[in-house]
Amino acid sequence: QDMSRKLNTADFYNSVTHNVVIRSTKVNPPAPIMINIKFGNNPSNIIVNFDSTTDMGTSILSSLQFKCTDIFNIFKGSEKATCLFRTTQQLVISIAGADSNGDLPNVGDNIILKSNTIRPNKCPRSGPGNPCLYNIATTLQLKTSDKPIVPIVAISTSAEIGECSNIIMDPSNSNGNGGRDWTNIKWSIEILDGGLEKDGSGISQTKLTSINTNLNTLNQNTKKMAIIDNNLLIAPTTYKIALSLTNFLGQTTNSFVKVFKNSVSKQPSVSIVGSQSVKLLRENDVELNALGTIPVCPGAPVTEGLDVLIYTWAIWGTVNGKM
């Protein structure tokens, strides 16, 4: 029997409504039902919830930790997966690695709970006419986490380069892929200012198309440098280069850098390695690493000895978003 009771408290509180189910001890409870299945905040775990307390599979399982295929049909990642009842209403699937064919579970996969594997936690009645009912087979789609990992896009590059320099970008400090390959990596480039050829005409669309094609063909991971060849660039021009990363949980983050290509030969290039935005506790030190280079331009004067870079650091703070 379902009963609802409305509890009215003092005026400064909101009223609360809660459904209470009262069952007779003369009747066994219905079989538990798998009601949702989703990735945990740690994406190597999958959380399975039931609508009522279960016997945790004790009628067919020898231990609380077991092979997931004892109660589930085979699913992506099930070869190395283990299951553990965290409570009588919640089970955790731990994914230890990919199957032999490389498969791992993904959002939208169908997960099937076998029938006759789970019963109620307690069945007070026994004997003929009082069965302790097993569950029926249930199929649910795997959902994303309540708090999914969000990608962090980190592009290290020089803010200004010389006329004969390539644009070199390092996205290797990007993270948030959940230990898997990115499901989507997309680069794009546009001109914010300048971009005129020597004859005064605008940059060839063919060059921009070539840059976009090369970026998205040659850089489908974030483990190596992405390079835009100098032959496809024009000086003086300000370029905006954007990178979009999507992880297997369906979360996408976009970020961009601006690079000014000037008309100066042997213009030093310098970048601060890592993400442009870093979150730290007050007790942590801030550690920054800079990488500088001096290009060698065809036809530029060559001086004796080695070129030497002198690094000068400066720091600014913000108050209410203003320098």
C-alpha atoms as a PDB file:
ATOM      1  CA  GLN A   1       0.000   0.000   0.000  1.00  0.00           C
ATOM      2  CA  ASP A   2       1.348   3.436  -0.951  1.00  0.00           C
ATOM      3  CA  MET A   3       0.736   6.246   1.515  1.00  0.00           C
ATOM      4  CA  SER A   4       1.670   9.928   1.313  1.00  0.00           C
ATOM      5  CA  ARG A   5       1.995  12.204   4.297  1.00  0.00           C
ATOM      6  CA  LYS A   6       2.634  15.946   4.114  1.00  0.00           C
ATOM      7  CA  LEU A   7       4.667  17.310   7.002  1.00  0.00           C
ATOM      8  CA  ASN A   8       4.081  21.004   7.764  1.00  0.00           C
ATOM      9  CA  THR A   9       6.713  22.681   9.900  1.00  0.00           C
ATOM     10  CA  ALA A  10       7.311  26.216  11.109  1.00  0.00           C
ATOM     11  CA  ASP A  11       6.657  29.063   8.701  1.00  0.00           C
ATOM     12  CA  PHE A  12      10.328  29.593   7.926  1.00  0.00           C
ATOM     13  CA  TYR A  13      10.674  26.025   6.613  1.00  0.00           C
ATOM     14  CA  ASN A  14       9.335  24.589   3.376  1.00  0.00           C
ATOM     15  CA  SER A  15       6.899  21.714   3.642  1.00  0.00           C
ATOM     16  CA  VAL A  16       8.221  18.262   2.720  1.00  0.00           C
ATOM     17  CA  THR A  17       6.427  15.520   0.831  1.00  0.00           C
ATOM     18  CA  HIS A  18       7.734  11.958   0.949  1.00  0.00           C
ATOM     19  CA  ASN A  19       6.250   8.702  -0.255  1.00  0.00           C
ATOM     20  CA  VAL A  20       6.296   5.844   2.233  1.00  0.00           C
ATOM     21  CA  VAL A  21       5.589   2.255   1.189  1.00  0.00           C
ATOM     22  CA  ILE A  22       4.219  -0.027   3.907  1.00  0.00           C
ATOM     23  CA  ARG A  23       4.180  -3.743   3.178  1.00  0.00           C
ATOM     24  CA  SER A  24       2.730  -6.551   5.217  1.00  0.00           C
ATOM     25  CA  THR A  25       5.176  -9.066   6.678  1.00  0.00           C
ATOM     26  CA  LYS A  26       2.819 -11.730   5.341  1.00  0.00           C
ATOM     27  CA  VAL A  27       3.878 -10.922   1.763  1.00  0.00           C
ATOM     28  CA  ASN A  28       7.361 -11.198   0.266  1.00  0.00           C
ATOM     29  CA  PRO A  29       8.651  -8.044  -1.465  1.00  0.00           C
ATOM     30  CA  PRO A  30       8.788  -7.859  -5.253  1.00  0.00           C
ATOM     31  CA  ALA A  31      12.014  -8.678  -7.073  1.00  0.00           C
ATOM     32  CA  PRO A  32      14.565  -5.824  -7.257  1.00  0.00           C
ATOM     33  CA  ILE A  33      14.758  -3.893 -10.532  1.00  0.00           C
ATOM     34  CA  MET A  34      17.905  -2.383 -12.051  1.00  0.00           C
ATOM     35  CA  ILE A  35      16.870   1.269 -12.480  1.00  0.00           C
ATOM     36  CA  ASN A  36      19.992   3.028 -13.794  1.00  0.00           C
ATOM     37  CA  ILE A  37      23.572   2.399 -14.831  1.00  0.00           C
ATOM     38  CA  LYS A  38      26.148   5.154 -15.305  1.00  0.00           C
ATOM     39  CA  PHE A  39      29.846   5.916 -15.233  1.00  0.00           C
ATOM     40  CA  GLY A  40      31.179   6.917 -11.829  1.00  0.00           C
ATOM     41  CA  ASN A  41      33.085  10.120 -11.162  1.00  0.00           C
ATOM     42  CA  ASN A  42      36.122   7.885 -11.666  1.00  0.00           C
ATOM     43  CA  PRO A  43      35.417   6.740 -15.248  1.00  0.00           C
ATOM     44  CA  SER A  44      37.062   3.357 -14.657  1.00  0.00           C
ATOM     45  CA  ASN A  45      34.001   2.524 -12.538  1.00  0.00           C
ATOM     46  CA  ILE A  46      30.390   1.972 -13.591  1.00  0.00           C
ATOM     47  CA  ILE A  47      27.665   2.381 -10.964  1.00  0.00           C
ATOM     48  CA  VAL A  48      24.538   0.181 -11.044  1.00  0.00           C
ATOM     49  CA  ASN A  49      21.548   1.077  -8.852  1.00  0.00           C
ATOM     50  CA  PHE A  50      18.522  -1.033  -7.908  1.00  0.00           C
ATOM     51  CA  ASP A  51      15.100   0.195  -6.803  1.00  0.00           C
ATOM     52  CA  SER A  52      15.138  -1.831  -3.564  1.00  0.00           C
ATOM     53  CA  THR A  53      17.504  -3.744  -1.320  1.00  0.00           C
ATOM     54  CA  THR A  54      18.919  -6.943  -2.819  1.00  0.00           C
ATOM     55  CA  ASP A  55      20.456 -10.142  -1.526  1.00  0.00           C
ATOM     56  CA  MET A  56      23.636  -9.014  -3.371  1.00  0.00           C
ATOM     57  CA  GLY A  57      23.462 -12.168  -5.436  1.00  0.00           C
ATOM     58  CA  THR A  58      24.320 -14.403  -2.490  1.00  0.00           C
ATOM     59  CA  SER A  59      22.000 -17.166  -3.738  1.00  0.00           C
ATOM     60  CA  ILE A  60      24.190 -17.732  -6.836  1.00  0.00           C
ATOM     61  CA  LEU A  61      27.515 -16.039  -6.033  1.00  0.00           C
ATOM     62  CA  SER A  62      30.294 -17.358  -3.822  1.00  0.00           C
ATOM     63  CA  SER A  63      31.673 -13.914  -2.860  1.00  0.00           C
ATOM     64  CA  LEU A  64      30.718 -10.242  -2.932  1.00  0.00           C
ATOM     65  CA  GLN A  65      33.413  -9.600  -5.570  1.00  0.00           C
ATOM     66  CA  PHE A  66      32.932 -11.626  -8.731  1.00  0.00           C
ATOM     67  CA  LYS A  67      33.178 -11.738 -12.505  1.00  0.00           C
ATOM     68  CA  CYS A  68      30.615  -9.369 -13.942  1.00  0.00           C
ATOM     69  CA  THR A  69      29.528 -11.935 -16.517  1.00  0.00           C
ATOM     70  CA  ASP A  70      28.116 -14.020 -13.630  1.00  0.00           C
ATOM     71  CA  ILE A  71      25.107 -11.685 -13.568  1.00  0.00           C
ATOM     72  CA  PHE A  72      25.500  -9.576 -16.740  1.00  0.00           C
ATOM     73  CA  ASN A  73      25.604 -10.525 -20.393  1.00  0.00           C
ATOM     74  CA  ILE A  74      28.947  -9.918 -22.093  1.00  0.00           C
ATOM     75  CA  PHE A  75      29.519  -6.183 -22.668  1.00  0.00           C
ATOM     76  CA  LYS A  76      32.426  -4.081 -23.918  1.00  0.00           C
ATOM     77  CA  GLY A  77      35.178  -4.292 -21.303  1.00  0.00           C
ATOM     78  CA  SER A  78      33.624  -7.247 -19.456  1.00  0.00           C
ATOM     79  CA  GLU A  79      36.577  -9.586 -20.060  1.00  0.00           C
ATOM     80  CA  LYS A  80      38.681  -7.916 -17.370  1.00  0.00           C
ATOM     81  CA  ALA A  81      35.858  -6.345 -15.343  1.00  0.00           C
ATOM     82  CA  THR A  82      35.045  -7.270 -11.757  1.00  0.00           C
ATOM     83  CA  CYS A  83      31.853  -6.494  -9.867  1.00  0.00           C
ATOM     84  CA  LEU A  84      31.329  -5.664  -6.214  1.00  0.00           C
ATOM     85  CA  PHE A  85      28.191  -4.842  -4.257  1.00  0.00           C
ATOM     86  CA  ARG A  86      28.956  -1.595  -2.422  1.00  0.00           C
ATOM     87  CA  THR A  87      25.579  -1.723  -0.646  1.00  0.00           C
ATOM     88  CA  THR A  88      22.472  -3.863  -0.951  1.00  0.00           C
ATOM     89  CA  GLN A  89      21.153  -1.376  -3.536  1.00  0.00           C
ATOM     90  CA  GLN A  90      24.316  -0.445  -5.414  1.00  0.00           C
ATOM     91  CA  LEU A  91      26.837  -2.425  -7.406  1.00  0.00           C
ATOM     92  CA  VAL A  92      30.170  -1.182  -8.834  1.00  0.00           C
ATOM     93  CA  ILE A  93      31.654  -2.488 -12.073  1.00  0.00           C
ATOM     94  CA  SER A  94      35.432  -1.915 -12.162  1.00  0.00           C
ATOM     95  CA  ILE A  95      36.898  -1.795 -15.673  1.00  0.00           C
ATOM     96  CA  ALA A  96      40.504  -3.026 -15.518  1.00  0.00           C
ATOM     97  CA  GLY A  97      41.272  -2.617 -19.211  1.00  0.00           C
ATOM     98  CA  ALA A  98      40.127  -3.225 -22.756  1.00  0.00           C
ATOM     99  CA  ASP A  99      38.917  -6.574 -24.054  1.00  0.00           C
ATOM    100  CA  SER A 100      41.219  -8.668 -26.251  1.00  0.00           C
ATOM    101  CA  ASN A 101      39.731  -6.883 -29.279  1.00  0.00           C
ATOM    102  CA  GLY A 102      40.390  -3.452 -27.759  1.00  0.00           C
ATOM    103  CA  ASP A 103      36.797  -2.677 -26.738  1.00  0.00           C
ATOM    104  CA  LEU A 104      35.900  -0.534 -23.730  1.00  0.00           C
ATOM    105  CA  PRO A 105      32.435   0.503 -22.531  1.00  0.00           C
ATOM    106  CA  ASN A 106      31.039   3.756 -23.874  1.00  0.00           C
ATOM    107  CA  VAL A 107      28.097   6.026 -23.163  1.00  0.00           C
ATOM    108  CA  GLY A 108      25.032   4.596 -24.905  1.00  0.00           C
ATOM    109  CA  ASP A 109      26.084   0.923 -24.721  1.00  0.00           C
ATOM    110  CA  ASN A 110      23.346  -1.515 -23.739  1.00  0.00           C
ATOM    111  CA  ILE A 111      24.087  -3.390 -20.505  1.00  0.00           C
ATOM    112  CA  ILE A 112      21.915  -6.450 -19.825  1.00  0.00           C
ATOM    113  CA  LEU A 113      21.324  -7.845 -16.340  1.00  0.00           C
ATOM    114  CA  LYS A 114      20.625 -11.572 -16.571  1.00  0.00           C
ATOM    115  CA  SER A 115      17.382 -12.929 -15.155  1.00  0.00           C
ATOM    116  CA  ASN A 116      17.248 -15.075 -12.019  1.00  0.00           C
ATOM    117  CA  THR A 117      20.388 -13.595 -10.443  1.00  0.00           C
ATOM    118  CA  ILE A 118      19.152 -11.090  -7.825  1.00  0.00           C
ATOM    119  CA  ARG A 119      16.486 -11.482  -5.146  1.00  0.00           C
ATOM    120  CA  PRO A 120      15.135  -9.233  -2.366  1.00  0.00           C
ATOM    121  CA  ASN A 121      17.348  -8.720   0.671  1.00  0.00           C
ATOM    122  CA  LYS A 122      14.823 -10.390   2.948  1.00  0.00           C
ATOM    123  CA  CYS A 123      11.826 -12.586   2.228  1.00  0.00           C
ATOM    124  CA  PRO A 124       9.918 -13.112   5.514  1.00  0.00           C
ATOM    125  CA  ARG A 125       7.600 -15.783   4.118  1.00  0.00           C
ATOM    126  CA  SER A 126       8.618 -19.177   2.817  1.00  0.00           C
ATOM    127  CA  GLY A 127       6.940 -22.294   1.597  1.00  0.00           C
ATOM    128  CA  PRO A 128       4.471 -22.968  -1.216  1.00  0.00           C
ATOM    129  CA  GLY A 129       2.692 -19.886  -2.489  1.00  0.00           C
ATOM    130  CA  ASN A 130       5.307 -17.517  -1.012  1.00  0.00           C
ATOM    131  CA  PRO A 131       8.160 -17.372  -3.542  1.00  0.00           C
ATOM    132  CA  CYS A 132      11.162 -15.114  -3.033  1.00  0.00           C
ATOM    133  CA  LEU A 133      11.157 -13.736  -6.533  1.00  0.00           C
ATOM    134  CA  TYR A 134      14.237 -13.399  -8.712  1.00  0.00           C
ATOM    135  CA  ASN A 135      14.710 -10.427 -11.014  1.00  0.00           C
ATOM    136  CA  ILE A 136      13.768 -10.423 -14.668  1.00  0.00           C
ATOM    137  CA  ALA A 137      16.297  -9.660 -17.405  1.00  0.00           C
ATOM    138  CA  THR A 138      16.730  -5.897 -17.757  1.00  0.00           C
ATOM    139  CA  THR A 139      18.443  -3.855 -20.469  1.00  0.00           C
ATOM    140  CA  LEU A 140      19.566  -0.285 -19.785  1.00  0.00           C
ATOM    141  CA  GLN A 141      21.727   2.188 -21.683  1.00  0.00           C
ATOM    142  CA  LEU A 142      24.964   3.200 -20.021  1.00  0.00           C
ATOM    143  CA  LYS A 143      24.777   6.890 -19.091  1.00  0.00           C
ATOM    144  CA  THR A 144      27.511   9.444 -18.460  1.00  0.00           C
ATOM    145  CA  SER A 145      28.646  10.352 -14.949  1.00  0.00           C
ATOM    146  CA  ASP A 146      26.791  12.800 -12.721  1.00  0.00           C
ATOM    147  CA  LYS A 147      30.069  14.748 -12.574  1.00  0.00           C
ATOM    148  CA  PRO A 148      31.920  13.749 -15.741  1.00  0.00           C
ATOM    149  CA  ILE A 149      35.553  14.603 -16.328  1.00  0.00           C
ATOM    150  CA  VAL A 150      35.817  17.743 -18.438  1.00  0.00           C
ATOM    151  CA  PRO A 151      38.709  18.162 -20.907  1.00  0.00           C
ATOM    152  CA  ILE A 152      41.298  20.846 -20.221  1.00  0.00           C
ATOM    153  CA  VAL A 153      42.805  22.213 -23.426  1.00  0.00           C
ATOM    154  CA  ALA A 154      46.390  23.434 -23.015  1.00  0.00           C
ATOM    155  CA  ILE A 155      48.214  24.918 -26.015  1.00  0.00           C
ATOM    156  CA  SER A 156      51.764  26.172 -25.507  1.00  0.00           C
ATOM    157  CA  THR A 157      53.079  28.422 -28.258  1.00  0.00           C
ATOM    158  CA  SER A 158      54.806  31.742 -28.852  1.00  0.00           C
ATOM    159  CA  ALA A 159      52.583  34.793 -28.853  1.00  0.00           C
ATOM    160  CA  GLU A 160      54.849  36.397 -31.479  1.00  0.00           C
ATOM    161  CA  ILE A 161      57.105  34.883 -34.136  1.00  0.00           C
ATOM    162  CA  GLY A 162      59.399  36.189 -36.853  1.00  0.00           C
ATOM    163  CA  GLU A 163      58.868  36.267 -40.585  1.00  0.00           C
ATOM    164  CA  CYS A 164      60.621  32.962 -41.291  1.00  0.00           C
ATOM    165  CA  SER A 165      59.309  30.956 -38.334  1.00  0.00           C
ATOM    166  CA  ASN A 166      56.795  28.129 -38.303  1.00  0.00           C
ATOM    167  CA  ILE A 167      53.966  28.261 -35.783  1.00  0.00           C
ATOM    168  CA  ILE A 168      54.757  25.442 -33.360  1.00  0.00           C
ATOM    169  CA  MET A 169      52.092  24.457 -30.826  1.00  0.00           C
ATOM    170  CA  ASP A 170      52.409  21.948 -28.004  1.00  0.00           C
ATOM    171  CA  PRO A 171      49.025  20.501 -26.844  1.00  0.00           C
ATOM    172  CA  SER A 172      50.604  17.667 -24.818  1.00  0.00           C
ATOM    173  CA  ASN A 173      49.622  19.158 -21.444  1.00  0.00           C
ATOM    174  CA  SER A 174      45.938  18.869 -22.324  1.00  0.00           C
ATOM    175  CA  ASN A 175      44.146  16.412 -20.061  1.00  0.00           C
ATOM    176  CA  GLY A 176      40.703  15.123 -19.118  1.00  0.00           C
ATOM    177  CA  ASN A 177      40.517  12.239 -21.595  1.00  0.00           C
ATOM    178  CA  GLY A 178      39.797   9.738 -18.822  1.00  0.00           C
ATOM    179  CA  GLY A 179      42.745   7.554 -19.792  1.00  0.00           C
ATOM    180  CA  ARG A 180      41.453   6.953 -23.318  1.00  0.00           C
ATOM    181  CA  ASP A 181      41.965   8.402 -26.770  1.00  0.00           C
ATOM    182  CA  TRP A 182      40.040  11.586 -27.492  1.00  0.00           C
ATOM    183  CA  THR A 183      36.841  10.847 -29.388  1.00  0.00           C
ATOM    184  CA  ASN A 184      37.198  14.085 -31.340  1.00  0.00           C
ATOM    185  CA  ILE A 185      40.075  16.497 -31.978  1.00  0.00           C
ATOM    186  CA  LYS A 186      39.392  19.532 -34.126  1.00  0.00           C
ATOM    187  CA  TRP A 187      41.772  22.337 -35.044  1.00  0.00           C
ATOM    188  CA  SER A 188      40.799  25.566 -36.797  1.00  0.00           C
ATOM    189  CA  ILE A 189      42.561  28.774 -37.832  1.00  0.00           C
ATOM    190  CA  GLU A 190      41.408  32.229 -38.789  1.00  0.00           C
ATOM    191  CA  ILE A 191      42.967  35.634 -39.464  1.00  0.00           C
ATOM    192  CA  LEU A 192      42.200  38.418 -37.000  1.00  0.00           C
ATOM    193  CA  ASP A 193      44.321  41.146 -38.549  1.00  0.00           C
ATOM    194  CA  GLY A 194      46.600  41.578 -41.568  1.00  0.00           C
ATOM    195  CA  GLY A 195      46.954  38.631 -43.872  1.00  0.00           C
ATOM    196  CA  LEU A 196      47.843  40.533 -47.045  1.00  0.00           C
ATOM    197  CA  GLU A 197      49.991  39.017 -49.763  1.00  0.00           C
ATOM    198  CA  LYS A 198      52.918  41.033 -51.185  1.00  0.00           C
ATOM    199  CA  ASP A 199      50.702  42.287 -54.002  1.00  0.00           C
ATOM    200  CA  GLY A 200      48.221  43.661 -51.467  1.00  0.00           C
ATOM    201  CA  SER A 201      45.606  40.976 -52.033  1.00  0.00           C
ATOM    202  CA  GLY A 202      44.103  38.981 -49.183  1.00  0.00           C
ATOM    203  CA  ILE A 203      45.596  35.656 -48.159  1.00  0.00           C
ATOM    204  CA  SER A 204      44.800  32.835 -50.521  1.00  0.00           C
ATOM    205  CA  GLN A 205      41.886  30.720 -49.316  1.00  0.00           C
ATOM    206  CA  THR A 206      43.883  27.762 -50.574  1.00  0.00           C
ATOM    207  CA  LYS A 207      46.514  28.457 -47.907  1.00  0.00           C
ATOM    208  CA  LEU A 208      43.955  28.573 -45.073  1.00  0.00           C
ATOM    209  CA  THR A 209      42.335  25.385 -46.378  1.00  0.00           C
ATOM    210  CA  SER A 210      45.742  23.689 -46.496  1.00  0.00           C
ATOM    211  CA  ILE A 211      46.518  24.775 -42.934  1.00  0.00           C
ATOM    212  CA  ASN A 212      43.187  23.440 -41.625  1.00  0.00           C
ATOM    213  CA  THR A 213      43.570  20.198 -43.565  1.00  0.00           C
ATOM    214  CA  ASN A 214      47.131  19.619 -42.342  1.00  0.00           C
ATOM    215  CA  LEU A 215      46.251  20.421 -38.730  1.00  0.00           C
ATOM    216  CA  ASN A 216      43.317  18.004 -38.694  1.00  0.00           C
ATOM    217  CA  THR A 217      45.019  15.268 -40.716  1.00  0.00           C
ATOM    218  CA  LEU A 218      48.428  15.180 -39.075  1.00  0.00           C
ATOM    219  CA  ASN A 219      47.466  15.961 -35.475  1.00  0.00           C
ATOM    220  CA  GLN A 220      44.830  13.486 -34.355  1.00  0.00           C
ATOM    221  CA  ASN A 221      46.367  13.118 -30.908  1.00  0.00           C
ATOM    222  CA  THR A 222      47.699  15.617 -28.390  1.00  0.00           C
ATOM    223  CA  LYS A 223      51.005  13.864 -27.729  1.00  0.00           C
ATOM    224  CA  LYS A 224      53.083  15.681 -30.334  1.00  0.00           C
ATOM    225  CA  MET A 225      53.732  19.175 -31.625  1.00  0.00           C
ATOM    226  CA  ALA A 226      51.335  20.675 -34.164  1.00  0.00           C
ATOM    227  CA  ILE A 227      53.238  22.680 -36.768  1.00  0.00           C
ATOM    228  CA  ILE A 228      52.028  25.213 -39.333  1.00  0.00           C
ATOM    229  CA  ASP A 229      54.659  25.582 -42.028  1.00  0.00           C
ATOM    230  CA  ASN A 230      56.022  29.061 -42.634  1.00  0.00           C
ATOM    231  CA  ASN A 231      55.353  28.694 -46.376  1.00  0.00           C
ATOM    232  CA  LEU A 232      51.606  28.822 -45.632  1.00  0.00           C
ATOM    233  CA  LEU A 233      51.862  31.925 -43.447  1.00  0.00           C
ATOM    234  CA  ILE A 234      51.984  35.658 -44.205  1.00  0.00           C
ATOM    235  CA  ALA A 235      53.612  38.492 -42.248  1.00  0.00           C
ATOM    236  CA  PRO A 236      52.519  40.714 -40.645  1.00  0.00           C
ATOM    237  CA  THR A 237      49.390  38.821 -39.550  1.00  0.00           C
ATOM    238  CA  THR A 238      47.604  37.917 -36.321  1.00  0.00           C
ATOM    239  CA  TYR A 239      46.293  34.355 -36.364  1.00  0.00           C
ATOM    240  CA  LYS A 240      43.751  32.752 -34.045  1.00  0.00           C
ATOM    241  CA  ILE A 241      44.228  28.994 -33.709  1.00  0.00           C
ATOM    242  CA  ALA A 242      41.559  27.013 -31.842  1.00  0.00           C
ATOM    243  CA  LEU A 243      41.546  23.443 -30.530  1.00  0.00           C
ATOM    244  CA  SER A 244      38.446  21.489 -29.491  1.00  0.00           C
ATOM    245  CA  LEU A 245      38.758  18.240 -27.510  1.00  0.00           C
ATOM    246  CA  THR A 246      35.965  15.746 -26.756  1.00  0.00           C
ATOM    247  CA  ASN A 247      36.371  12.804 -24.370  1.00  0.00           C
ATOM    248  CA  PHE A 248      34.512   9.482 -24.351  1.00  0.00           C
ATOM    249  CA  LEU A 249      32.039  10.837 -21.791  1.00  0.00           C
ATOM    250  CA  GLY A 250      30.802  13.315 -24.401  1.00  0.00           C
ATOM    251  CA  GLN A 251      32.361  16.366 -22.735  1.00  0.00           C
ATOM    252  CA  THR A 252      33.885  19.025 -25.009  1.00  0.00           C
ATOM    253  CA  THR A 253      36.169  21.966 -24.251  1.00  0.00           C
ATOM    254  CA  ASN A 254      37.424  24.626 -26.654  1.00  0.00           C
ATOM    255  CA  SER A 255      40.409  26.910 -26.295  1.00  0.00           C
ATOM    256  CA  PHE A 256      42.498  29.103 -28.573  1.00  0.00           C
ATOM    257  CA  VAL A 257      45.752  31.018 -28.849  1.00  0.00           C
ATOM    258  CA  LYS A 258      46.634  34.163 -30.791  1.00  0.00           C
ATOM    259  CA  VAL A 259      49.928  34.312 -32.647  1.00  0.00           C
ATOM    260  CA  PHE A 260      51.309  37.463 -34.261  1.00  0.00           C
ATOM    261  CA  LYS A 261      53.676  36.823 -37.158  1.00  0.00           C
ATOM    262  CA  ASN A 262      55.814  39.908 -37.695  1.00  0.00           C
ATOM    263  CA  SER A 263      58.187  40.940 -40.462  1.00  0.00           C
ATOM    264  CA  VAL A 264      61.359  40.782 -38.355  1.00  0.00           C
ATOM    265  CA  SER A 265      64.048  38.248 -39.207  1.00  0.00           C
ATOM    266  CA  LYS A 266      65.582  36.262 -36.351  1.00  0.00           C
ATOM    267  CA  GLN A 267      62.706  37.225 -34.043  1.00  0.00           C
ATOM    268  CA  PRO A 268      63.106  35.045 -30.901  1.00  0.00           C
ATOM    269  CA  SER A 269      60.158  32.775 -30.166  1.00  0.00           C
ATOM    270  CA  VAL A 270      59.217  31.963 -26.571  1.00  0.00           C
ATOM    271  CA  SER A 271      56.377  30.099 -24.912  1.00  0.00           C
ATOM    272  CA  ILE A 272      55.448  29.121 -21.367  1.00  0.00           C
ATOM    273  CA  VAL A 273      54.937  25.369 -21.284  1.00  0.00           C
ATOM    274  CA  GLY A 274      51.562  24.123 -20.091  1.00  0.00           C
ATOM    275  CA  SER A 275      48.020  25.369 -19.741  1.00  0.00           C
ATOM    276  CA  GLN A 276      47.284  29.099 -19.794  1.00  0.00           C
ATOM    277  CA  SER A 277      45.094  28.638 -16.718  1.00  0.00           C
ATOM    278  CA  VAL A 278      46.271  26.680 -13.664  1.00  0.00           C
ATOM    279  CA  LYS A 279      44.367  26.035 -10.433  1.00  0.00           C
ATOM    280  CA  LEU A 280      46.460  25.520  -7.295  1.00  0.00           C
ATOM    281  CA  LEU A 281      46.016  25.525  -3.544  1.00  0.00           C
ATOM    282  CA  ARG A 282      47.548  28.459  -1.704  1.00  0.00           C
ATOM    283  CA  GLU A 283      50.080  26.116  -0.121  1.00  0.00           C
ATOM    284  CA  ASN A 284      51.423  24.999  -3.530  1.00  0.00           C
ATOM    285  CA  ASP A 285      54.327  26.632  -5.331  1.00  0.00           C
ATOM    286  CA  VAL A 286      53.849  27.972  -8.843  1.00  0.00           C
ATOM    287  CA  GLU A 287      56.365  26.414 -11.216  1.00  0.00           C
ATOM    288  CA  LEU A 288      56.727  27.800 -14.744  1.00  0.00           C
ATOM    289  CA  ASN A 289      58.970  26.653 -17.575  1.00  0.00           C
ATOM    290  CA  ALA A 290      59.753  28.768 -20.639  1.00  0.00           C
ATOM    291  CA  LEU A 291      61.035  27.526 -23.973  1.00  0.00           C
ATOM    292  CA  GLY A 292      62.770  29.954 -26.324  1.00  0.00           C
ATOM    293  CA  THR A 293      64.344  29.564 -29.763  1.00  0.00           C
ATOM    294  CA  ILE A 294      65.984  31.800 -32.374  1.00  0.00           C
ATOM    295  CA  PRO A 295      65.093  30.965 -35.986  1.00  0.00           C
ATOM    296  CA  VAL A 296      67.613  30.925 -38.803  1.00  0.00           C
ATOM    297  CA  CYS A 297      66.218  32.927 -41.712  1.00  0.00           C
ATOM    298  CA  PRO A 298      67.514  32.534 -45.267  1.00  0.00           C
ATOM    299  CA  GLY A 299      69.456  35.649 -46.282  1.00  0.00           C
ATOM    300  CA  ALA A 300      69.627  37.060 -42.749  1.00  0.00           C
ATOM    301  CA  PRO A 301      73.053  38.229 -41.495  1.00  0.00           C
ATOM    302  CA  VAL A 302      74.938  35.614 -39.474  1.00  0.00           C
ATOM    303  CA  THR A 303      76.910  36.739 -36.417  1.00  0.00           C
ATOM    304  CA  GLU A 304      79.923  34.950 -35.037  1.00  0.00           C
ATOM    305  CA  GLY A 305      79.414  32.679 -32.062  1.00  0.00           C
ATOM    306  CA  LEU A 306      76.223  31.329 -30.609  1.00  0.00           C
ATOM    307  CA  ASP A 307      73.029  33.320 -30.357  1.00  0.00           C
ATOM    308  CA  VAL A 308      72.187  33.826 -26.698  1.00  0.00           C
ATOM    309  CA  LEU A 309      68.702  34.295 -25.273  1.00  0.00           C
ATOM    310  CA  ILE A 310      68.219  36.331 -22.114  1.00  0.00           C
ATOM    311  CA  TYR A 311      64.983  35.508 -20.276  1.00  0.00           C
ATOM    312  CA  THR A 312      63.238  38.280 -18.346  1.00  0.00           C
ATOM    313  CA  TRP A 313      60.187  37.381 -16.249  1.00  0.00           C
ATOM    314  CA  ALA A 314      57.383  39.681 -15.105  1.00  0.00           C
ATOM    315  CA  ILE A 315      54.253  38.972 -13.106  1.00  0.00           C
ATOM    316  CA  TRP A 316      50.924  40.787 -12.925  1.00  0.00           C
ATOM    317  CA  GLY A 317      48.041  40.320 -10.551  1.00  0.00           C
ATOM    318  CA  THR A 318      44.359  41.085 -10.989  1.00  0.00           C
ATOM    319  CA  VAL A 319      41.865  42.753  -8.662  1.00  0.00           C
ATOM    320  CA  ASN A 320      38.209  42.300  -9.620  1.00  0.00           C
ATOM    321  CA  GLY A 321      39.293  41.077 -13.039  1.00  0.00           C
ATOM    322  CA  LYS A 322      41.498  44.123 -13.760  1.00  0.00           C
ATOM    323  CA  MET A 323      45.290  44.326 -13.936  1.00  0.00           C
END
